[in-house]
Protein backbone atom coordinates (compact mmCIF):
# COMPACT_ATOMS: atom_id res chain seq x y z
CA MET A 1 13.26 214.89 32.07
CA VAL A 2 10.25 213.43 33.65
CA LYS A 3 8.82 216.67 35.26
CA SER A 4 8.41 217.95 31.51
CA LYS A 5 6.68 214.68 30.73
CA TYR A 6 3.97 215.31 33.44
CA GLN A 7 3.92 219.22 32.91
CA SER A 8 0.19 218.79 32.03
CA VAL A 9 -0.62 217.35 35.35
CA LEU A 10 1.30 220.22 37.01
CA ASP A 11 -0.59 222.85 35.08
CA LEU A 12 -3.78 221.03 36.07
CA GLY A 13 -2.74 221.16 39.66
CA GLN A 14 -2.22 224.90 39.31
CA GLU A 15 -5.62 225.68 37.50
CA LEU A 16 -7.30 223.50 40.27
CA ASN A 17 -5.65 225.65 42.87
CA ILE A 18 -4.38 222.50 44.65
CA GLN A 19 -2.93 223.45 48.20
CA ASP A 20 -0.01 222.39 49.98
CA GLY A 21 1.52 221.36 46.43
CA ASP A 22 4.86 220.12 46.38
CA VAL A 23 6.99 218.74 43.40
CA SER A 24 10.39 217.32 43.38
CA GLU A 25 12.52 214.78 41.13
CA GLU A 26 14.49 211.87 42.70
CA ASN A 27 16.26 209.35 40.57
CA GLY A 28 14.05 209.77 37.71
CA THR A 29 10.77 209.66 39.59
CA LEU A 30 8.53 212.71 39.79
CA LYS A 31 7.08 213.05 43.28
CA ILE A 32 3.83 215.25 43.73
CA LYS A 33 1.72 216.02 46.63
CA GLY A 34 -1.03 218.31 47.49
CA THR A 35 -4.43 218.57 48.69
CA ALA A 36 -7.36 218.65 46.41
CA LYS A 37 -10.73 220.48 47.44
CA THR A 38 -12.88 217.46 46.40
CA GLN A 39 -12.66 213.89 45.19
CA TYR A 40 -13.54 214.87 41.88
CA GLU A 41 -10.62 217.17 41.37
CA LYS A 42 -8.32 214.63 42.83
CA ASN A 43 -9.83 211.99 40.28
CA GLN A 44 -9.26 214.76 37.62
CA LEU A 45 -5.53 214.80 38.66
CA TRP A 46 -4.91 210.96 38.22
CA ASP A 47 -6.90 211.00 35.00
CA LYS A 48 -4.43 213.32 33.74
CA ILE A 49 -1.40 211.09 35.22
CA LYS A 50 -2.79 207.89 33.56
CA GLU A 51 -3.42 209.58 30.17
CA ILE A 52 0.26 210.22 30.17
CA GLY A 53 1.96 207.53 31.97
CA GLY A 54 -0.51 204.58 31.52
CA GLU A 55 -2.57 202.80 34.08
CA SER A 56 0.14 202.05 36.63
CA PRO A 57 2.95 204.66 35.81
CA SER A 58 6.43 204.03 37.56
CA ASP A 59 7.90 207.43 37.04
CA ILE A 60 5.44 209.08 39.21
CA MET A 61 4.59 209.14 42.84
CA ALA A 62 1.56 211.17 43.75
CA ASP A 63 0.29 211.76 47.07
CA ILE A 64 -3.18 213.60 46.72
CA LYS A 65 -5.31 214.42 49.63
CA VAL A 66 -8.71 215.61 49.78
CA ALA A 67 -9.83 218.46 51.81
CA ASP A 68 -13.73 217.90 51.77
CA THR A 69 -14.59 214.09 51.79
CA SER A 70 -18.40 214.83 52.71
CA VAL A 71 -18.96 215.60 49.15
CA TYR A 72 -17.89 214.36 45.58
CA HIS A 73 -17.61 218.02 44.31
CA ARG A 74 -19.47 221.50 44.76
CA HIS A 75 -20.75 222.80 41.35
CA THR A 76 -21.66 226.16 40.43
CA VAL A 77 -24.66 226.02 37.84
CA LYS A 78 -23.92 227.66 34.60
CA SER A 79 -26.62 229.14 32.19
CA GLY A 80 -28.35 226.25 30.02
CA GLU A 81 -27.44 223.47 32.55
CA SER A 82 -29.74 220.89 34.02
CA LEU A 83 -29.50 218.52 36.67
CA SER A 84 -29.34 215.57 34.27
CA LYS A 85 -26.72 217.37 32.22
CA ILE A 86 -24.63 218.15 35.56
CA ALA A 87 -25.23 214.12 36.60
CA LYS A 88 -23.90 213.16 33.05
CA HIS A 89 -20.83 215.45 33.66
CA TYR A 90 -19.96 213.91 37.08
CA TYR A 91 -21.31 210.41 37.11
CA GLY A 92 -21.59 209.53 33.54
CA ASP A 93 -25.25 208.91 33.98
CA PRO A 94 -27.86 211.42 33.39
CA MET A 95 -30.43 209.59 35.58
CA LYS A 96 -28.43 210.20 38.53
CA TYR A 97 -29.98 213.66 38.62
CA LYS A 98 -31.92 212.49 41.53
CA ALA A 99 -28.97 211.83 43.65
CA ILE A 100 -28.12 215.50 43.05
CA PHE A 101 -31.63 216.89 43.77
CA GLU A 102 -31.71 214.77 47.01
CA ALA A 103 -28.54 216.40 48.33
CA ASN A 104 -29.91 219.92 47.49
CA THR A 105 -33.32 219.74 48.58
CA ASN A 106 -32.47 222.65 51.10
CA ILE A 107 -32.18 224.82 47.97
CA LEU A 108 -34.00 223.14 45.27
CA LYS A 109 -37.66 222.47 45.38
CA ASN A 110 -38.22 221.13 41.97
CA PRO A 111 -35.66 219.03 40.02
CA ASP A 112 -36.52 220.78 36.83
CA VAL A 113 -35.72 224.38 38.19
CA ILE A 114 -32.18 225.43 38.71
CA HIS A 115 -30.59 228.71 38.44
CA PRO A 116 -27.24 230.05 37.50
CA ASP A 117 -24.72 230.81 40.10
CA GLN A 118 -26.64 228.23 42.67
CA GLU A 119 -23.86 226.08 44.34
CA LEU A 120 -24.86 222.38 44.28
CA VAL A 121 -23.50 219.69 46.33
CA ILE A 122 -22.44 216.78 44.04
CA PRO A 123 -22.84 213.76 46.42
CA ASN A 124 -20.68 210.88 46.84
CA LEU A 125 -22.34 207.73 45.43
C-alpha cells in the first residue's frame, strides 16, 4: 500500500500543520495536497518525498501550495543561535547571515545581537 510507504511524509505534514490537507489513493498512486505556511516548509515535504521515492517518484502526486510567498520562512530565535547559524540552517551558507540581517533591520540593530523568541524573516534569495 503506497500510503504506508509515504506515512512519514503525511506525519511531517501534520507536524508542520499543513492546511486544507487531503490524501487519497488512486490506482496505486498517492495523491496529496495542502497549503504549507512557507516555501521552506514546502521544500521540507518535497525533500521527504524524494528521500522515500527518489528524485522523480511515480507513485505519488503532490500539490503543495504556499500561503506566504513574501518570505522563505519565519524563524523564532532559540537560545544559543546566531544569524550565521540560522543562515547555515536555511541556506547551507553561514555567510548569508547578511541577507537575514537586512530583512530584519526593523527589529535588529546589530547582526551580532539577537534574542530568544524574536521572530525573524528568512528572505527568499
